[in-house]
Amino acid sequence: PALRLRVLAEVVLRLPRTLRERGRVGRIS
């Protein structure tokens, strides 16, 4: 559980940047 919580925390912290990247991926698709 501790490792998984760290994974979730890292994903949440990176979420704004990841969503911007998702937009860029959509534009080249």
mmCIF file of all heavy atoms, coordinates in Angstrom:
data_MODEL
# 
_entry.id   MODEL 
# 
loop_
_atom_site.group_PDB 
_atom_site.id 
_atom_site.type_symbol 
_atom_site.label_atom_id 
_atom_site.label_alt_id 
_atom_site.label_comp_id 
_atom_site.label_asym_id 
_atom_site.label_entity_id 
_atom_site.label_seq_id 
_atom_site.pdbx_PDB_ins_code 
_atom_site.Cartn_x 
_atom_site.Cartn_y 
_atom_site.Cartn_z 
_atom_site.occupancy 
_atom_site.B_iso_or_equiv 
_atom_site.pdbx_formal_charge 
_atom_site.auth_seq_id 
_atom_site.auth_comp_id 
_atom_site.auth_asym_id 
_atom_site.auth_atom_id 
_atom_site.pdbx_PDB_model_num 
ATOM 1   N N   . PRO A 1 1  ? 0.806  -1.223 0.000   1.00 0.00 ? 1  PRO A N   1 
ATOM 2   C CA  . PRO A 1 1  ? 0.000  0.000  0.000   1.00 0.00 ? 1  PRO A CA  1 
ATOM 3   C C   . PRO A 1 1  ? 0.843  1.279  0.000   1.00 0.00 ? 1  PRO A C   1 
ATOM 4   O O   . PRO A 1 1  ? 0.474  2.261  -0.658  1.00 0.00 ? 1  PRO A O   1 
ATOM 5   C CB  . PRO A 1 1  ? -0.830 -0.121 1.282   1.00 0.00 ? 1  PRO A CB  1 
ATOM 6   C CG  . PRO A 1 1  ? -0.923 -1.597 1.531   1.00 0.00 ? 1  PRO A CG  1 
ATOM 7   C CD  . PRO A 1 1  ? 0.389  -2.154 1.065   1.00 0.00 ? 1  PRO A CD  1 
ATOM 8   N N   . ALA A 1 2  ? 1.954  1.287  0.722   1.00 0.00 ? 2  ALA A N   1 
ATOM 9   C CA  . ALA A 1 2  ? 2.787  2.488  0.773   1.00 0.00 ? 2  ALA A CA  1 
ATOM 10  C C   . ALA A 1 2  ? 3.363  2.814  -0.602  1.00 0.00 ? 2  ALA A C   1 
ATOM 11  O O   . ALA A 1 2  ? 3.410  3.992  -1.006  1.00 0.00 ? 2  ALA A O   1 
ATOM 12  C CB  . ALA A 1 2  ? 3.904  2.311  1.796   1.00 0.00 ? 2  ALA A CB  1 
ATOM 13  N N   . LEU A 1 3  ? 3.821  1.790  -1.313  1.00 0.00 ? 3  LEU A N   1 
ATOM 14  C CA  . LEU A 1 3  ? 4.355  2.016  -2.659  1.00 0.00 ? 3  LEU A CA  1 
ATOM 15  C C   . LEU A 1 3  ? 3.254  2.540  -3.577  1.00 0.00 ? 3  LEU A C   1 
ATOM 16  O O   . LEU A 1 3  ? 3.465  3.476  -4.351  1.00 0.00 ? 3  LEU A O   1 
ATOM 17  C CB  . LEU A 1 3  ? 4.957  0.726  -3.205  1.00 0.00 ? 3  LEU A CB  1 
ATOM 18  C CG  . LEU A 1 3  ? 5.591  0.809  -4.604  1.00 0.00 ? 3  LEU A CG  1 
ATOM 19  C CD1 . LEU A 1 3  ? 6.810  -0.112 -4.687  1.00 0.00 ? 3  LEU A CD1 1 
ATOM 20  C CD2 . LEU A 1 3  ? 4.613  0.445  -5.716  1.00 0.00 ? 3  LEU A CD2 1 
ATOM 21  N N   . ARG A 1 4  ? 2.066  1.956  -3.483  1.00 0.00 ? 4  ARG A N   1 
ATOM 22  C CA  . ARG A 1 4  ? 0.970  2.361  -4.356  1.00 0.00 ? 4  ARG A CA  1 
ATOM 23  C C   . ARG A 1 4  ? 0.515  3.794  -4.044  1.00 0.00 ? 4  ARG A C   1 
ATOM 24  O O   . ARG A 1 4  ? 0.169  4.556  -4.947  1.00 0.00 ? 4  ARG A O   1 
ATOM 25  C CB  . ARG A 1 4  ? -0.182 1.370  -4.234  1.00 0.00 ? 4  ARG A CB  1 
ATOM 26  C CG  . ARG A 1 4  ? 0.174  -0.023 -4.741  1.00 0.00 ? 4  ARG A CG  1 
ATOM 27  C CD  . ARG A 1 4  ? -0.953 -1.013 -4.489  1.00 0.00 ? 4  ARG A CD  1 
ATOM 28  N NE  . ARG A 1 4  ? -2.101 -0.734 -5.344  1.00 0.00 ? 4  ARG A NE  1 
ATOM 29  C CZ  . ARG A 1 4  ? -2.312 -1.269 -6.549  1.00 0.00 ? 4  ARG A CZ  1 
ATOM 30  N NH1 . ARG A 1 4  ? -1.412 -2.120 -7.061  1.00 0.00 ? 4  ARG A NH1 1 
ATOM 31  N NH2 . ARG A 1 4  ? -3.397 -0.975 -7.246  1.00 0.00 ? 4  ARG A NH2 1 
ATOM 32  N N   . LEU A 1 5  ? 0.540  4.163  -2.776  1.00 0.00 ? 5  LEU A N   1 
ATOM 33  C CA  . LEU A 1 5  ? 0.194  5.531  -2.422  1.00 0.00 ? 5  LEU A CA  1 
ATOM 34  C C   . LEU A 1 5  ? 1.212  6.513  -3.008  1.00 0.00 ? 5  LEU A C   1 
ATOM 35  O O   . LEU A 1 5  ? 0.846  7.612  -3.442  1.00 0.00 ? 5  LEU A O   1 
ATOM 36  C CB  . LEU A 1 5  ? 0.117  5.681  -0.905  1.00 0.00 ? 5  LEU A CB  1 
ATOM 37  C CG  . LEU A 1 5  ? -1.139 5.107  -0.244  1.00 0.00 ? 5  LEU A CG  1 
ATOM 38  C CD1 . LEU A 1 5  ? -0.991 5.123  1.276   1.00 0.00 ? 5  LEU A CD1 1 
ATOM 39  C CD2 . LEU A 1 5  ? -2.387 5.877  -0.678  1.00 0.00 ? 5  LEU A CD2 1 
ATOM 40  N N   . ARG A 1 6  ? 2.468  6.119  -3.003  1.00 0.00 ? 6  ARG A N   1 
ATOM 41  C CA  . ARG A 1 6  ? 3.483  6.986  -3.599  1.00 0.00 ? 6  ARG A CA  1 
ATOM 42  C C   . ARG A 1 6  ? 3.254  7.117  -5.102  1.00 0.00 ? 6  ARG A C   1 
ATOM 43  O O   . ARG A 1 6  ? 3.387  8.207  -5.659  1.00 0.00 ? 6  ARG A O   1 
ATOM 44  C CB  . ARG A 1 6  ? 4.875  6.440  -3.324  1.00 0.00 ? 6  ARG A CB  1 
ATOM 45  C CG  . ARG A 1 6  ? 5.966  7.301  -3.938  1.00 0.00 ? 6  ARG A CG  1 
ATOM 46  C CD  . ARG A 1 6  ? 7.343  6.991  -3.422  1.00 0.00 ? 6  ARG A CD  1 
ATOM 47  N NE  . ARG A 1 6  ? 8.321  7.929  -3.955  1.00 0.00 ? 6  ARG A NE  1 
ATOM 48  C CZ  . ARG A 1 6  ? 9.599  7.937  -3.626  1.00 0.00 ? 6  ARG A CZ  1 
ATOM 49  N NH1 . ARG A 1 6  ? 10.068 7.069  -2.752  1.00 0.00 ? 6  ARG A NH1 1 
ATOM 50  N NH2 . ARG A 1 6  ? 10.423 8.825  -4.164  1.00 0.00 ? 6  ARG A NH2 1 
ATOM 51  N N   . VAL A 1 7  ? 2.895  6.013  -5.752  1.00 0.00 ? 7  VAL A N   1 
ATOM 52  C CA  . VAL A 1 7  ? 2.584  6.066  -7.184  1.00 0.00 ? 7  VAL A CA  1 
ATOM 53  C C   . VAL A 1 7  ? 1.440  7.040  -7.435  1.00 0.00 ? 7  VAL A C   1 
ATOM 54  O O   . VAL A 1 7  ? 1.509  7.893  -8.332  1.00 0.00 ? 7  VAL A O   1 
ATOM 55  C CB  . VAL A 1 7  ? 2.229  4.656  -7.709  1.00 0.00 ? 7  VAL A CB  1 
ATOM 56  C CG1 . VAL A 1 7  ? 1.586  4.734  -9.097  1.00 0.00 ? 7  VAL A CG1 1 
ATOM 57  C CG2 . VAL A 1 7  ? 3.478  3.781  -7.763  1.00 0.00 ? 7  VAL A CG2 1 
ATOM 58  N N   . LEU A 1 8  ? 0.371  6.919  -6.649  1.00 0.00 ? 8  LEU A N   1 
ATOM 59  C CA  . LEU A 1 8  ? -0.774 7.806  -6.830  1.00 0.00 ? 8  LEU A CA  1 
ATOM 60  C C   . LEU A 1 8  ? -0.382 9.265  -6.614  1.00 0.00 ? 8  LEU A C   1 
ATOM 61  O O   . LEU A 1 8  ? -0.815 10.155 -7.357  1.00 0.00 ? 8  LEU A O   1 
ATOM 62  C CB  . LEU A 1 8  ? -1.896 7.409  -5.872  1.00 0.00 ? 8  LEU A CB  1 
ATOM 63  C CG  . LEU A 1 8  ? -2.675 6.145  -6.250  1.00 0.00 ? 8  LEU A CG  1 
ATOM 64  C CD1 . LEU A 1 8  ? -3.576 5.711  -5.105  1.00 0.00 ? 8  LEU A CD1 1 
ATOM 65  C CD2 . LEU A 1 8  ? -3.497 6.388  -7.521  1.00 0.00 ? 8  LEU A CD2 1 
ATOM 66  N N   . ALA A 1 9  ? 0.439  9.507  -5.603  1.00 0.00 ? 9  ALA A N   1 
ATOM 67  C CA  . ALA A 1 9  ? 0.878  10.881 -5.339  1.00 0.00 ? 9  ALA A CA  1 
ATOM 68  C C   . ALA A 1 9  ? 1.674  11.433 -6.512  1.00 0.00 ? 9  ALA A C   1 
ATOM 69  O O   . ALA A 1 9  ? 1.489  12.598 -6.924  1.00 0.00 ? 9  ALA A O   1 
ATOM 70  C CB  . ALA A 1 9  ? 1.706  10.922 -4.060  1.00 0.00 ? 9  ALA A CB  1 
ATOM 71  N N   . GLU A 1 10 ? 2.558  10.628 -7.078  1.00 0.00 ? 10 GLU A N   1 
ATOM 72  C CA  . GLU A 1 10 ? 3.366  11.091 -8.208  1.00 0.00 ? 10 GLU A CA  1 
ATOM 73  C C   . GLU A 1 10 ? 2.496  11.348 -9.429  1.00 0.00 ? 10 GLU A C   1 
ATOM 74  O O   . GLU A 1 10 ? 2.722  12.314 -10.175 1.00 0.00 ? 10 GLU A O   1 
ATOM 75  C CB  . GLU A 1 10 ? 4.454  10.061 -8.521  1.00 0.00 ? 10 GLU A CB  1 
ATOM 76  C CG  . GLU A 1 10 ? 5.531  9.984  -7.443  1.00 0.00 ? 10 GLU A CG  1 
ATOM 77  C CD  . GLU A 1 10 ? 6.638  9.011  -7.784  1.00 0.00 ? 10 GLU A CD  1 
ATOM 78  O OE1 . GLU A 1 10 ? 6.470  8.222  -8.733  1.00 0.00 ? 10 GLU A OE1 1 
ATOM 79  O OE2 . GLU A 1 10 ? 7.672  9.046  -7.110  1.00 0.00 ? 10 GLU A OE2 1 
ATOM 80  N N   . VAL A 1 11 ? 1.499  10.501 -9.660  1.00 0.00 ? 11 VAL A N   1 
ATOM 81  C CA  . VAL A 1 11 ? 0.597  10.706 -10.795 1.00 0.00 ? 11 VAL A CA  1 
ATOM 82  C C   . VAL A 1 11 ? -0.201 11.996 -10.607 1.00 0.00 ? 11 VAL A C   1 
ATOM 83  O O   . VAL A 1 11 ? -0.337 12.798 -11.543 1.00 0.00 ? 11 VAL A O   1 
ATOM 84  C CB  . VAL A 1 11 ? -0.340 9.497  -10.966 1.00 0.00 ? 11 VAL A CB  1 
ATOM 85  C CG1 . VAL A 1 11 ? -1.435 9.801  -11.993 1.00 0.00 ? 11 VAL A CG1 1 
ATOM 86  C CG2 . VAL A 1 11 ? 0.449  8.266  -11.409 1.00 0.00 ? 11 VAL A CG2 1 
ATOM 87  N N   . VAL A 1 12 ? -0.728 12.220 -9.407  1.00 0.00 ? 12 VAL A N   1 
ATOM 88  C CA  . VAL A 1 12 ? -1.518 13.429 -9.144  1.00 0.00 ? 12 VAL A CA  1 
ATOM 89  C C   . VAL A 1 12 ? -0.655 14.687 -9.317  1.00 0.00 ? 12 VAL A C   1 
ATOM 90  O O   . VAL A 1 12 ? -1.093 15.671 -9.928  1.00 0.00 ? 12 VAL A O   1 
ATOM 91  C CB  . VAL A 1 12 ? -2.133 13.370 -7.733  1.00 0.00 ? 12 VAL A CB  1 
ATOM 92  C CG1 . VAL A 1 12 ? -2.729 14.727 -7.354  1.00 0.00 ? 12 VAL A CG1 1 
ATOM 93  C CG2 . VAL A 1 12 ? -3.207 12.287 -7.671  1.00 0.00 ? 12 VAL A CG2 1 
ATOM 94  N N   . LEU A 1 13 ? 0.566  14.661 -8.806  1.00 0.00 ? 13 LEU A N   1 
ATOM 95  C CA  . LEU A 1 13 ? 1.450  15.822 -8.943  1.00 0.00 ? 13 LEU A CA  1 
ATOM 96  C C   . LEU A 1 13 ? 1.771  16.116 -10.405 1.00 0.00 ? 13 LEU A C   1 
ATOM 97  O O   . LEU A 1 13 ? 1.947  17.277 -10.782 1.00 0.00 ? 13 LEU A O   1 
ATOM 98  C CB  . LEU A 1 13 ? 2.740  15.588 -8.156  1.00 0.00 ? 13 LEU A CB  1 
ATOM 99  C CG  . LEU A 1 13 ? 2.630  15.686 -6.631  1.00 0.00 ? 13 LEU A CG  1 
ATOM 100 C CD1 . LEU A 1 13 ? 3.934  15.243 -5.974  1.00 0.00 ? 13 LEU A CD1 1 
ATOM 101 C CD2 . LEU A 1 13 ? 2.288  17.120 -6.206  1.00 0.00 ? 13 LEU A CD2 1 
ATOM 102 N N   . ARG A 1 14 ? 1.836  15.078 -11.221 1.00 0.00 ? 14 ARG A N   1 
ATOM 103 C CA  . ARG A 1 14 ? 2.175  15.260 -12.635 1.00 0.00 ? 14 ARG A CA  1 
ATOM 104 C C   . ARG A 1 14 ? 0.939  15.467 -13.509 1.00 0.00 ? 14 ARG A C   1 
ATOM 105 O O   . ARG A 1 14 ? 1.072  15.647 -14.726 1.00 0.00 ? 14 ARG A O   1 
ATOM 106 C CB  . ARG A 1 14 ? 2.939  14.027 -13.143 1.00 0.00 ? 14 ARG A CB  1 
ATOM 107 C CG  . ARG A 1 14 ? 4.302  13.833 -12.485 1.00 0.00 ? 14 ARG A CG  1 
ATOM 108 C CD  . ARG A 1 14 ? 4.910  12.528 -12.918 1.00 0.00 ? 14 ARG A CD  1 
ATOM 109 N NE  . ARG A 1 14 ? 6.177  12.290 -12.235 1.00 0.00 ? 14 ARG A NE  1 
ATOM 110 C CZ  . ARG A 1 14 ? 7.275  11.857 -12.827 1.00 0.00 ? 14 ARG A CZ  1 
ATOM 111 N NH1 . ARG A 1 14 ? 7.254  11.612 -14.124 1.00 0.00 ? 14 ARG A NH1 1 
ATOM 112 N NH2 . ARG A 1 14 ? 8.375  11.662 -12.150 1.00 0.00 ? 14 ARG A NH2 1 
ATOM 113 N N   . LEU A 1 15 ? -0.237 15.437 -12.912 1.00 0.00 ? 15 LEU A N   1 
ATOM 114 C CA  . LEU A 1 15 ? -1.462 15.455 -13.706 1.00 0.00 ? 15 LEU A CA  1 
ATOM 115 C C   . LEU A 1 15 ? -1.598 16.699 -14.587 1.00 0.00 ? 15 LEU A C   1 
ATOM 116 O O   . LEU A 1 15 ? -1.929 16.567 -15.775 1.00 0.00 ? 15 LEU A O   1 
ATOM 117 C CB  . LEU A 1 15 ? -2.675 15.308 -12.789 1.00 0.00 ? 15 LEU A CB  1 
ATOM 118 C CG  . LEU A 1 15 ? -4.003 14.965 -13.478 1.00 0.00 ? 15 LEU A CG  1 
ATOM 119 C CD1 . LEU A 1 15 ? -3.874 13.691 -14.304 1.00 0.00 ? 15 LEU A CD1 1 
ATOM 120 C CD2 . LEU A 1 15 ? -5.102 14.809 -12.428 1.00 0.00 ? 15 LEU A CD2 1 
ATOM 121 N N   . PRO A 1 16 ? -1.363 17.915 -14.088 1.00 0.00 ? 16 PRO A N   1 
ATOM 122 C CA  . PRO A 1 16 ? -1.503 19.083 -14.980 1.00 0.00 ? 16 PRO A CA  1 
ATOM 123 C C   . PRO A 1 16 ? -0.595 18.991 -16.215 1.00 0.00 ? 16 PRO A C   1 
ATOM 124 O O   . PRO A 1 16 ? -1.057 19.236 -17.340 1.00 0.00 ? 16 PRO A O   1 
ATOM 125 C CB  . PRO A 1 16 ? -1.124 20.258 -14.081 1.00 0.00 ? 16 PRO A CB  1 
ATOM 126 C CG  . PRO A 1 16 ? -1.433 19.783 -12.699 1.00 0.00 ? 16 PRO A CG  1 
ATOM 127 C CD  . PRO A 1 16 ? -1.073 18.328 -12.697 1.00 0.00 ? 16 PRO A CD  1 
ATOM 128 N N   . ARG A 1 17 ? 0.651  18.642 -15.992 1.00 0.00 ? 17 ARG A N   1 
ATOM 129 C CA  . ARG A 1 17 ? 1.570  18.513 -17.129 1.00 0.00 ? 17 ARG A CA  1 
ATOM 130 C C   . ARG A 1 17 ? 1.130  17.382 -18.050 1.00 0.00 ? 17 ARG A C   1 
ATOM 131 O O   . ARG A 1 17 ? 1.178  17.522 -19.280 1.00 0.00 ? 17 ARG A O   1 
ATOM 132 C CB  . ARG A 1 17 ? 2.983  18.253 -16.612 1.00 0.00 ? 17 ARG A CB  1 
ATOM 133 C CG  . ARG A 1 17 ? 3.989  17.985 -17.715 1.00 0.00 ? 17 ARG A CG  1 
ATOM 134 C CD  . ARG A 1 17 ? 5.376  17.724 -17.146 1.00 0.00 ? 17 ARG A CD  1 
ATOM 135 N NE  . ARG A 1 17 ? 6.310  17.332 -18.184 1.00 0.00 ? 17 ARG A NE  1 
ATOM 136 C CZ  . ARG A 1 17 ? 7.592  17.062 -17.958 1.00 0.00 ? 17 ARG A CZ  1 
ATOM 137 N NH1 . ARG A 1 17 ? 8.093  17.163 -16.734 1.00 0.00 ? 17 ARG A NH1 1 
ATOM 138 N NH2 . ARG A 1 17 ? 8.388  16.707 -18.958 1.00 0.00 ? 17 ARG A NH2 1 
ATOM 139 N N   . THR A 1 18 ? 0.683  16.278 -17.478 1.00 0.00 ? 18 THR A N   1 
ATOM 140 C CA  . THR A 1 18 ? 0.279  15.126 -18.282 1.00 0.00 ? 18 THR A CA  1 
ATOM 141 C C   . THR A 1 18 ? -0.929 15.460 -19.142 1.00 0.00 ? 18 THR A C   1 
ATOM 142 O O   . THR A 1 18 ? -1.011 15.036 -20.308 1.00 0.00 ? 18 THR A O   1 
ATOM 143 C CB  . THR A 1 18 ? -0.022 13.927 -17.364 1.00 0.00 ? 18 THR A CB  1 
ATOM 144 O OG1 . THR A 1 18 ? 1.144  13.615 -16.596 1.00 0.00 ? 18 THR A OG1 1 
ATOM 145 C CG2 . THR A 1 18 ? -0.429 12.706 -18.171 1.00 0.00 ? 18 THR A CG2 1 
ATOM 146 N N   . LEU A 1 19 ? -1.857 16.215 -18.613 1.00 0.00 ? 19 LEU A N   1 
ATOM 147 C CA  . LEU A 1 19 ? -3.025 16.590 -19.398 1.00 0.00 ? 19 LEU A CA  1 
ATOM 148 C C   . LEU A 1 19 ? -2.649 17.542 -20.530 1.00 0.00 ? 19 LEU A C   1 
ATOM 149 O O   . LEU A 1 19 ? -3.234 17.487 -21.619 1.00 0.00 ? 19 LEU A O   1 
ATOM 150 C CB  . LEU A 1 19 ? -4.086 17.208 -18.491 1.00 0.00 ? 19 LEU A CB  1 
ATOM 151 C CG  . LEU A 1 19 ? -4.711 16.237 -17.480 1.00 0.00 ? 19 LEU A CG  1 
ATOM 152 C CD1 . LEU A 1 19 ? -5.732 16.956 -16.615 1.00 0.00 ? 19 LEU A CD1 1 
ATOM 153 C CD2 . LEU A 1 19 ? -5.348 15.044 -18.190 1.00 0.00 ? 19 LEU A CD2 1 
ATOM 154 N N   . ARG A 1 20 ? -1.679 18.411 -20.288 1.00 0.00 ? 20 ARG A N   1 
ATOM 155 C CA  . ARG A 1 20 ? -1.194 19.252 -21.391 1.00 0.00 ? 20 ARG A CA  1 
ATOM 156 C C   . ARG A 1 20 ? -0.551 18.391 -22.470 1.00 0.00 ? 20 ARG A C   1 
ATOM 157 O O   . ARG A 1 20 ? -0.750 18.641 -23.672 1.00 0.00 ? 20 ARG A O   1 
ATOM 158 C CB  . ARG A 1 20 ? -0.192 20.292 -20.866 1.00 0.00 ? 20 ARG A CB  1 
ATOM 159 C CG  . ARG A 1 20 ? -0.822 21.375 -19.990 1.00 0.00 ? 20 ARG A CG  1 
ATOM 160 C CD  . ARG A 1 20 ? 0.135  22.550 -19.790 1.00 0.00 ? 20 ARG A CD  1 
ATOM 161 N NE  . ARG A 1 20 ? 1.359  22.147 -19.083 1.00 0.00 ? 20 ARG A NE  1 
ATOM 162 C CZ  . ARG A 1 20 ? 1.501  22.157 -17.774 1.00 0.00 ? 20 ARG A CZ  1 
ATOM 163 N NH1 . ARG A 1 20 ? 0.485  22.527 -16.994 1.00 0.00 ? 20 ARG A NH1 1 
ATOM 164 N NH2 . ARG A 1 20 ? 2.647  21.814 -17.213 1.00 0.00 ? 20 ARG A NH2 1 
ATOM 165 N N   . GLU A 1 21 ? 0.208  17.398 -22.037 1.00 0.00 ? 21 GLU A N   1 
ATOM 166 C CA  . GLU A 1 21 ? 0.829  16.490 -23.001 1.00 0.00 ? 21 GLU A CA  1 
ATOM 167 C C   . GLU A 1 21 ? -0.236 15.702 -23.756 1.00 0.00 ? 21 GLU A C   1 
ATOM 168 O O   . GLU A 1 21 ? -0.091 15.436 -24.950 1.00 0.00 ? 21 GLU A O   1 
ATOM 169 C CB  . GLU A 1 21 ? 1.785  15.541 -22.269 1.00 0.00 ? 21 GLU A CB  1 
ATOM 170 C CG  . GLU A 1 21 ? 3.023  16.237 -21.703 1.00 0.00 ? 21 GLU A CG  1 
ATOM 171 C CD  . GLU A 1 21 ? 3.810  15.361 -20.751 1.00 0.00 ? 21 GLU A CD  1 
ATOM 172 O OE1 . GLU A 1 21 ? 3.270  14.321 -20.308 1.00 0.00 ? 21 GLU A OE1 1 
ATOM 173 O OE2 . GLU A 1 21 ? 4.964  15.721 -20.441 1.00 0.00 ? 21 GLU A OE2 1 
ATOM 174 N N   . ARG A 1 22 ? -1.308 15.327 -23.080 1.00 0.00 ? 22 ARG A N   1 
ATOM 175 C CA  . ARG A 1 22 ? -2.403 14.626 -23.743 1.00 0.00 ? 22 ARG A CA  1 
ATOM 176 C C   . ARG A 1 22 ? -2.987 15.480 -24.874 1.00 0.00 ? 22 ARG A C   1 
ATOM 177 O O   . ARG A 1 22 ? -3.292 14.984 -25.960 1.00 0.00 ? 22 ARG A O   1 
ATOM 178 C CB  . ARG A 1 22 ? -3.487 14.283 -22.726 1.00 0.00 ? 22 ARG A CB  1 
ATOM 179 C CG  . ARG A 1 22 ? -4.702 13.574 -23.323 1.00 0.00 ? 22 ARG A CG  1 
ATOM 180 C CD  . ARG A 1 22 ? -5.763 13.278 -22.283 1.00 0.00 ? 22 ARG A CD  1 
ATOM 181 N NE  . ARG A 1 22 ? -6.910 12.651 -22.903 1.00 0.00 ? 22 ARG A NE  1 
ATOM 182 C CZ  . ARG A 1 22 ? -7.036 11.352 -23.121 1.00 0.00 ? 22 ARG A CZ  1 
ATOM 183 N NH1 . ARG A 1 22 ? -6.066 10.535 -22.752 1.00 0.00 ? 22 ARG A NH1 1 
ATOM 184 N NH2 . ARG A 1 22 ? -8.113 10.844 -23.705 1.00 0.00 ? 22 ARG A NH2 1 
ATOM 185 N N   . GLY A 1 23 ? -3.105 16.791 -24.601 1.00 0.00 ? 23 GLY A N   1 
ATOM 186 C CA  . GLY A 1 23 ? -3.595 17.680 -25.639 1.00 0.00 ? 23 GLY A CA  1 
ATOM 187 C C   . GLY A 1 23 ? -2.681 17.718 -26.849 1.00 0.00 ? 23 GLY A C   1 
ATOM 188 O O   . GLY A 1 23 ? -3.148 17.705 -27.994 1.00 0.00 ? 23 GLY A O   1 
ATOM 189 N N   . ARG A 1 24 ? -1.374 17.724 -26.602 1.00 0.00 ? 24 ARG A N   1 
ATOM 190 C CA  . ARG A 1 24 ? -0.421 17.734 -27.720 1.00 0.00 ? 24 ARG A CA  1 
ATOM 191 C C   . ARG A 1 24 ? -0.490 16.430 -28.504 1.00 0.00 ? 24 ARG A C   1 
ATOM 192 O O   . ARG A 1 24 ? -0.397 16.434 -29.734 1.00 0.00 ? 24 ARG A O   1 
ATOM 193 C CB  . ARG A 1 24 ? 0.995  17.987 -27.199 1.00 0.00 ? 24 ARG A CB  1 
ATOM 194 C CG  . ARG A 1 24 ? 1.226  19.435 -26.755 1.00 0.00 ? 24 ARG A CG  1 
ATOM 195 C CD  . ARG A 1 24 ? 2.697  19.726 -26.567 1.00 0.00 ? 24 ARG A CD  1 
ATOM 196 N NE  . ARG A 1 24 ? 3.233  19.086 -25.366 1.00 0.00 ? 24 ARG A NE  1 
ATOM 197 C CZ  . ARG A 1 24 ? 3.250  19.645 -24.176 1.00 0.00 ? 24 ARG A CZ  1 
ATOM 198 N NH1 . ARG A 1 24 ? 2.739  20.861 -24.001 1.00 0.00 ? 24 ARG A NH1 1 
ATOM 199 N NH2 . ARG A 1 24 ? 3.770  19.018 -23.137 1.00 0.00 ? 24 ARG A NH2 1 
ATOM 200 N N   . VAL A 1 25 ? -0.643 15.314 -27.789 1.00 0.00 ? 25 VAL A N   1 
ATOM 201 C CA  . VAL A 1 25 ? -0.779 14.025 -28.475 1.00 0.00 ? 25 VAL A CA  1 
ATOM 202 C C   . VAL A 1 25 ? -2.021 14.041 -29.356 1.00 0.00 ? 25 VAL A C   1 
ATOM 203 O O   . VAL A 1 25 ? -1.998 13.563 -30.503 1.00 0.00 ? 25 VAL A O   1 
ATOM 204 C CB  . VAL A 1 25 ? -0.842 12.872 -27.455 1.00 0.00 ? 25 VAL A CB  1 
ATOM 205 C CG1 . VAL A 1 25 ? -1.203 11.554 -28.144 1.00 0.00 ? 25 VAL A CG1 1 
ATOM 206 C CG2 . VAL A 1 25 ? 0.491  12.731 -26.726 1.00 0.00 ? 25 VAL A CG2 1 
ATOM 207 N N   . GLY A 1 26 ? -3.108 14.597 -28.844 1.00 0.00 ? 26 GLY A N   1 
ATOM 208 C CA  . GLY A 1 26 ? -4.331 14.664 -29.636 1.00 0.00 ? 26 GLY A CA  1 
ATOM 209 C C   . GLY A 1 26 ? -4.161 15.472 -30.908 1.00 0.00 ? 26 GLY A C   1 
ATOM 210 O O   . GLY A 1 26 ? -4.711 15.119 -31.961 1.00 0.00 ? 26 GLY A O   1 
ATOM 211 N N   . ARG A 1 27 ? -3.368 16.514 -30.836 1.00 0.00 ? 27 ARG A N   1 
ATOM 212 C CA  . ARG A 1 27 ? -3.194 17.381 -32.009 1.00 0.00 ? 27 ARG A CA  1 
ATOM 213 C C   . ARG A 1 27 ? -2.365 16.729 -33.109 1.00 0.00 ? 27 ARG A C   1 
ATOM 214 O O   . ARG A 1 27 ? -2.503 17.097 -34.280 1.00 0.00 ? 27 ARG A O   1 
ATOM 215 C CB  . ARG A 1 27 ? -2.567 18.714 -31.585 1.00 0.00 ? 27 ARG A CB  1 
ATOM 216 C CG  . ARG A 1 27 ? -3.540 19.606 -30.808 1.00 0.00 ? 27 ARG A CG  1 
ATOM 217 C CD  . ARG A 1 27 ? -3.002 21.015 -30.626 1.00 0.00 ? 27 ARG A CD  1 
ATOM 218 N NE  . ARG A 1 27 ? -1.897 21.071 -29.666 1.00 0.00 ? 27 ARG A NE  1 
ATOM 219 C CZ  . ARG A 1 27 ? -2.044 21.183 -28.363 1.00 0.00 ? 27 ARG A CZ  1 
ATOM 220 N NH1 . ARG A 1 27 ? -3.257 21.215 -27.832 1.00 0.00 ? 27 ARG A NH1 1 
ATOM 221 N NH2 . ARG A 1 27 ? -0.996 21.248 -27.551 1.00 0.00 ? 27 ARG A NH2 1 
ATOM 222 N N   . ILE A 1 28 ? -1.504 15.777 -32.765 1.00 0.00 ? 28 ILE A N   1 
ATOM 223 C CA  . ILE A 1 28 ? -0.699 15.114 -33.804 1.00 0.00 ? 28 ILE A CA  1 
ATOM 224 C C   . ILE A 1 28 ? -1.339 13.804 -34.263 1.00 0.00 ? 28 ILE A C   1 
ATOM 225 O O   . ILE A 1 28 ? -0.805 13.127 -35.146 1.00 0.00 ? 28 ILE A O   1 
ATOM 226 C CB  . ILE A 1 28 ? 0.745  14.860 -33.321 1.00 0.00 ? 28 ILE A CB  1 
ATOM 227 C CG1 . ILE A 1 28 ? 0.787  14.000 -32.055 1.00 0.00 ? 28 ILE A CG1 1 
ATOM 228 C CG2 . ILE A 1 28 ? 1.467  16.171 -33.082 1.00 0.00 ? 28 ILE A CG2 1 
ATOM 229 C CD1 . ILE A 1 28 ? 0.884  12.522 -32.266 1.00 0.00 ? 28 ILE A CD1 1 
ATOM 230 N N   . SER A 1 29 ? -2.473 13.450 -33.688 1.00 0.00 ? 29 SER A N   1 
ATOM 231 C CA  . SER A 1 29 ? -3.080 12.154 -33.989 1.00 0.00 ? 29 SER A CA  1 
ATOM 232 C C   . SER A 1 29 ? -3.890 12.200 -35.275 1.00 0.00 ? 29 SER A C   1 
ATOM 233 O O   . SER A 1 29 ? -4.662 13.136 -35.516 1.00 0.00 ? 29 SER A O   1 
ATOM 234 C CB  . SER A 1 29 ? -3.989 11.720 -32.833 1.00 0.00 ? 29 SER A CB  1 
ATOM 235 O OG  . SER A 1 29 ? -3.242 11.525 -31.652 1.00 0.00 ? 29 SER A OG  1 
# 
